[in-house]
Amino acid sequence: MQSDKNQLLILASCASGLAALAHLGCVVFGGEWYRFFGAGEQMAIMSEQGHWYPAVVTSVMVMVLLLWSCYGLSGAGVIRRLPLLRVGLCVITGIYLLRGVAFIGIMPMFPENSLLFWLVSSGICLGVGMLYAVGTYQVWPALAGKNVGYG
């Protein structure tokens, strides 16, 4: 049985949701989680010292990733149509893809992160970006109108 919901955007949404949960774990569990996920030693130390900055920055990331997850679900036709859906999906796709390929330029800003971290995290971003890209491409015509299946 085939669903009228776009499976690639659902997968992309789930990936963004999982990323949000991982970031939330950093806020809840502190320094070791910041280290594991590559936020850098400075963020880990500040978290361990009870500084507000890591929790606030990471909480903003959680909210952004949850919003992106909602846009994926909206584009997939799972939830109601969100404002500026086409633009939102394009921006989300672009950010994920840019993060996936531009890591070489970002690496010097975070010298404590290993090459393995950069390759894995960039590969994940590239993969999620491709899910958003292809899923968005597949539903693009339906997003132009007021199709009931897409919110």
C-alpha atoms as a PDB file:
ATOM      1  CA  MET A   1       0.000   0.000   0.000  1.00  0.00           C
ATOM      2  CA  GLN A   2       1.489   3.298  -1.091  1.00  0.00           C
ATOM      3  CA  SER A   3       1.149   6.413   1.060  1.00  0.00           C
ATOM      4  CA  ASP A   4       0.356   9.840  -0.347  1.00  0.00           C
ATOM      5  CA  LYS A   5       2.866  11.257   2.145  1.00  0.00           C
ATOM      6  CA  ASN A   6       6.392  11.980   0.906  1.00  0.00           C
ATOM      7  CA  GLN A   7       8.624   9.399   2.561  1.00  0.00           C
ATOM      8  CA  LEU A   8      11.895  11.255   1.926  1.00  0.00           C
ATOM      9  CA  LEU A   9      10.665  14.379   3.686  1.00  0.00           C
ATOM     10  CA  ILE A  10       9.391  12.233   6.541  1.00  0.00           C
ATOM     11  CA  LEU A  11      12.863  10.675   6.854  1.00  0.00           C
ATOM     12  CA  ALA A  12      14.472  14.116   6.672  1.00  0.00           C
ATOM     13  CA  SER A  13      12.112  15.349   9.362  1.00  0.00           C
ATOM     14  CA  CYS A  14      12.972  12.383  11.579  1.00  0.00           C
ATOM     15  CA  ALA A  15      16.688  13.079  11.083  1.00  0.00           C
ATOM     16  CA  SER A  16      16.207  16.711  12.115  1.00  0.00           C
ATOM     17  CA  GLY A  17      14.196  15.546  15.112  1.00  0.00           C
ATOM     18  CA  LEU A  18      16.938  13.123  16.145  1.00  0.00           C
ATOM     19  CA  ALA A  19      19.508  15.898  15.794  1.00  0.00           C
ATOM     20  CA  ALA A  20      17.332  18.066  18.048  1.00  0.00           C
ATOM     21  CA  LEU A  21      17.214  15.277  20.634  1.00  0.00           C
ATOM     22  CA  ALA A  22      21.006  14.890  20.507  1.00  0.00           C
ATOM     23  CA  HIS A  23      21.411  18.613  21.089  1.00  0.00           C
ATOM     24  CA  LEU A  24      18.895  18.491  23.922  1.00  0.00           C
ATOM     25  CA  GLY A  25      20.958  15.667  25.422  1.00  0.00           C
ATOM     26  CA  CYS A  26      23.935  18.020  25.508  1.00  0.00           C
ATOM     27  CA  VAL A  27      21.941  20.537  27.536  1.00  0.00           C
ATOM     28  CA  VAL A  28      20.660  17.870  29.923  1.00  0.00           C
ATOM     29  CA  PHE A  29      23.788  15.723  30.319  1.00  0.00           C
ATOM     30  CA  GLY A  30      26.469  18.389  30.016  1.00  0.00           C
ATOM     31  CA  GLY A  31      30.140  18.416  29.203  1.00  0.00           C
ATOM     32  CA  GLU A  32      30.690  14.828  28.126  1.00  0.00           C
ATOM     33  CA  TRP A  33      27.879  15.072  25.619  1.00  0.00           C
ATOM     34  CA  TYR A  34      29.238  18.354  24.252  1.00  0.00           C
ATOM     35  CA  ARG A  35      32.619  16.653  23.828  1.00  0.00           C
ATOM     36  CA  PHE A  36      31.156  13.538  22.209  1.00  0.00           C
ATOM     37  CA  PHE A  37      29.143  15.522  19.674  1.00  0.00           C
ATOM     38  CA  GLY A  38      32.058  17.782  18.831  1.00  0.00           C
ATOM     39  CA  ALA A  39      30.965  21.082  20.308  1.00  0.00           C
ATOM     40  CA  GLY A  40      34.487  21.702  21.506  1.00  0.00           C
ATOM     41  CA  GLU A  41      36.288  21.703  24.791  1.00  0.00           C
ATOM     42  CA  GLN A  42      35.368  25.298  25.600  1.00  0.00           C
ATOM     43  CA  MET A  43      31.620  24.555  25.383  1.00  0.00           C
ATOM     44  CA  ALA A  44      32.088  21.403  27.467  1.00  0.00           C
ATOM     45  CA  ILE A  45      34.002  23.252  30.173  1.00  0.00           C
ATOM     46  CA  MET A  46      31.511  26.120  30.284  1.00  0.00           C
ATOM     47  CA  SER A  47      28.694  23.604  30.622  1.00  0.00           C
ATOM     48  CA  GLU A  48      30.469  21.823  33.458  1.00  0.00           C
ATOM     49  CA  GLN A  49      30.985  25.160  35.202  1.00  0.00           C
ATOM     50  CA  GLY A  50      27.275  25.938  34.974  1.00  0.00           C
ATOM     51  CA  HIS A  51      27.683  28.822  32.538  1.00  0.00           C
ATOM     52  CA  TRP A  52      24.471  29.854  30.750  1.00  0.00           C
ATOM     53  CA  TYR A  53      25.988  30.197  27.251  1.00  0.00           C
ATOM     54  CA  PRO A  54      26.171  26.518  26.152  1.00  0.00           C
ATOM     55  CA  ALA A  55      22.619  25.785  27.281  1.00  0.00           C
ATOM     56  CA  VAL A  56      21.181  28.862  25.550  1.00  0.00           C
ATOM     57  CA  VAL A  57      23.058  28.356  22.263  1.00  0.00           C
ATOM     58  CA  THR A  58      22.240  24.654  22.197  1.00  0.00           C
ATOM     59  CA  SER A  59      18.593  25.270  23.111  1.00  0.00           C
ATOM     60  CA  VAL A  60      18.294  27.663  20.166  1.00  0.00           C
ATOM     61  CA  MET A  61      19.699  24.902  17.948  1.00  0.00           C
ATOM     62  CA  VAL A  62      17.126  22.475  19.376  1.00  0.00           C
ATOM     63  CA  MET A  63      14.326  24.887  18.476  1.00  0.00           C
ATOM     64  CA  VAL A  64      15.698  25.457  14.963  1.00  0.00           C
ATOM     65  CA  LEU A  65      16.045  21.726  14.324  1.00  0.00           C
ATOM     66  CA  LEU A  66      12.519  21.079  15.623  1.00  0.00           C
ATOM     67  CA  LEU A  67      11.200  23.820  13.333  1.00  0.00           C
ATOM     68  CA  TRP A  68      13.032  22.205  10.410  1.00  0.00           C
ATOM     69  CA  SER A  69      11.484  18.876  11.372  1.00  0.00           C
ATOM     70  CA  CYS A  70       8.035  20.490  11.297  1.00  0.00           C
ATOM     71  CA  TYR A  71       8.735  21.951   7.849  1.00  0.00           C
ATOM     72  CA  GLY A  72       9.713  18.511   6.609  1.00  0.00           C
ATOM     73  CA  LEU A  73       6.484  17.029   7.958  1.00  0.00           C
ATOM     74  CA  SER A  74       4.495  19.868   6.449  1.00  0.00           C
ATOM     75  CA  GLY A  75       6.106  19.380   3.056  1.00  0.00           C
ATOM     76  CA  ALA A  76       5.474  15.646   3.317  1.00  0.00           C
ATOM     77  CA  GLY A  77       1.775  16.281   3.866  1.00  0.00           C
ATOM     78  CA  VAL A  78       1.749  14.894   7.414  1.00  0.00           C
ATOM     79  CA  ILE A  79       0.826  18.144   9.180  1.00  0.00           C
ATOM     80  CA  ARG A  80      -0.880  21.321   8.003  1.00  0.00           C
ATOM     81  CA  ARG A  81       0.844  23.614   5.557  1.00  0.00           C
ATOM     82  CA  LEU A  82       3.276  25.975   7.280  1.00  0.00           C
ATOM     83  CA  PRO A  83       3.940  29.538   6.110  1.00  0.00           C
ATOM     84  CA  LEU A  84       6.492  29.988   3.325  1.00  0.00           C
ATOM     85  CA  LEU A  85       6.772  26.227   2.956  1.00  0.00           C
ATOM     86  CA  ARG A  86       8.596  26.209  -0.377  1.00  0.00           C
ATOM     87  CA  VAL A  87      11.083  28.854   0.766  1.00  0.00           C
ATOM     88  CA  GLY A  88      11.560  27.135   4.104  1.00  0.00           C
ATOM     89  CA  LEU A  89      12.286  23.756   2.552  1.00  0.00           C
ATOM     90  CA  CYS A  90      14.760  25.335   0.114  1.00  0.00           C
ATOM     91  CA  VAL A  91      16.578  27.196   2.903  1.00  0.00           C
ATOM     92  CA  ILE A  92      16.716  24.095   5.113  1.00  0.00           C
ATOM     93  CA  THR A  93      18.011  22.029   2.203  1.00  0.00           C
ATOM     94  CA  GLY A  94      20.621  24.655   1.389  1.00  0.00           C
ATOM     95  CA  ILE A  95      21.886  24.906   4.959  1.00  0.00           C
ATOM     96  CA  TYR A  96      22.234  21.140   5.344  1.00  0.00           C
ATOM     97  CA  LEU A  97      23.976  20.778   1.976  1.00  0.00           C
ATOM     98  CA  LEU A  98      26.266  23.744   2.610  1.00  0.00           C
ATOM     99  CA  ARG A  99      27.243  22.354   6.016  1.00  0.00           C
ATOM    100  CA  GLY A 100      27.853  18.999   4.365  1.00  0.00           C
ATOM    101  CA  VAL A 101      30.306  20.316   1.779  1.00  0.00           C
ATOM    102  CA  ALA A 102      31.806  23.410   3.411  1.00  0.00           C
ATOM    103  CA  PHE A 103      33.372  21.662   6.407  1.00  0.00           C
ATOM    104  CA  ILE A 104      36.878  22.270   5.076  1.00  0.00           C
ATOM    105  CA  GLY A 105      36.362  25.989   5.509  1.00  0.00           C
ATOM    106  CA  ILE A 106      34.831  25.550   8.965  1.00  0.00           C
ATOM    107  CA  MET A 107      37.465  23.164  10.334  1.00  0.00           C
ATOM    108  CA  PRO A 108      40.021  25.844  11.316  1.00  0.00           C
ATOM    109  CA  MET A 109      37.443  27.506  13.593  1.00  0.00           C
ATOM    110  CA  PHE A 110      37.210  24.276  15.637  1.00  0.00           C
ATOM    111  CA  PRO A 111      40.761  22.858  15.729  1.00  0.00           C
ATOM    112  CA  GLU A 112      39.990  20.486  18.599  1.00  0.00           C
ATOM    113  CA  ASN A 113      37.572  18.453  16.442  1.00  0.00           C
ATOM    114  CA  SER A 114      39.029  15.395  14.744  1.00  0.00           C
ATOM    115  CA  LEU A 115      38.954  14.680  11.034  1.00  0.00           C
ATOM    116  CA  LEU A 116      36.673  11.728  11.823  1.00  0.00           C
ATOM    117  CA  PHE A 117      34.194  14.108  13.488  1.00  0.00           C
ATOM    118  CA  TRP A 118      34.196  16.353  10.422  1.00  0.00           C
ATOM    119  CA  LEU A 119      33.773  13.494   7.979  1.00  0.00           C
ATOM    120  CA  VAL A 120      30.954  11.844   9.939  1.00  0.00           C
ATOM    121  CA  SER A 121      29.033  15.018  10.799  1.00  0.00           C
ATOM    122  CA  SER A 122      29.433  16.420   7.296  1.00  0.00           C
ATOM    123  CA  GLY A 123      28.329  13.131   5.758  1.00  0.00           C
ATOM    124  CA  ILE A 124      25.231  13.140   7.952  1.00  0.00           C
ATOM    125  CA  CYS A 125      24.424  16.740   6.984  1.00  0.00           C
ATOM    126  CA  LEU A 126      24.960  15.935   3.318  1.00  0.00           C
ATOM    127  CA  GLY A 127      22.684  12.900   3.574  1.00  0.00           C
ATOM    128  CA  VAL A 128      19.934  14.785   5.385  1.00  0.00           C
ATOM    129  CA  GLY A 129      20.273  17.656   2.919  1.00  0.00           C
ATOM    130  CA  MET A 130      19.820  15.220   0.042  1.00  0.00           C
ATOM    131  CA  LEU A 131      16.676  13.814   1.678  1.00  0.00           C
ATOM    132  CA  TYR A 132      15.252  17.336   1.942  1.00  0.00           C
ATOM    133  CA  ALA A 133      16.383  18.174  -1.612  1.00  0.00           C
ATOM    134  CA  VAL A 134      14.923  15.138  -3.359  1.00  0.00           C
ATOM    135  CA  GLY A 135      11.796  15.110  -1.188  1.00  0.00           C
ATOM    136  CA  THR A 136      11.199  18.789  -1.879  1.00  0.00           C
ATOM    137  CA  TYR A 137      11.745  18.228  -5.595  1.00  0.00           C
ATOM    138  CA  GLN A 138       9.182  15.426  -5.559  1.00  0.00           C
ATOM    139  CA  VAL A 139       6.453  17.523  -3.924  1.00  0.00           C
ATOM    140  CA  TRP A 140       7.354  20.852  -5.536  1.00  0.00           C
ATOM    141  CA  PRO A 141       4.361  20.962  -7.929  1.00  0.00           C
ATOM    142  CA  ALA A 142       1.923  20.108  -5.126  1.00  0.00           C
ATOM    143  CA  LEU A 143       3.425  22.829  -2.922  1.00  0.00           C
ATOM    144  CA  ALA A 144       2.612  25.483  -5.519  1.00  0.00           C
ATOM    145  CA  GLY A 145      -1.120  25.079  -5.057  1.00  0.00           C
ATOM    146  CA  LYS A 146      -3.494  24.551  -2.197  1.00  0.00           C
ATOM    147  CA  ASN A 147      -3.415  20.749  -2.559  1.00  0.00           C
ATOM    148  CA  VAL A 148      -5.203  19.270   0.443  1.00  0.00           C
ATOM    149  CA  GLY A 149      -2.634  16.449   0.713  1.00  0.00           C
ATOM    150  CA  TYR A 150       0.085  19.007   1.388  1.00  0.00           C
ATOM    151  CA  GLY A 151      -1.506  21.158   4.012  1.00  0.00           C
END
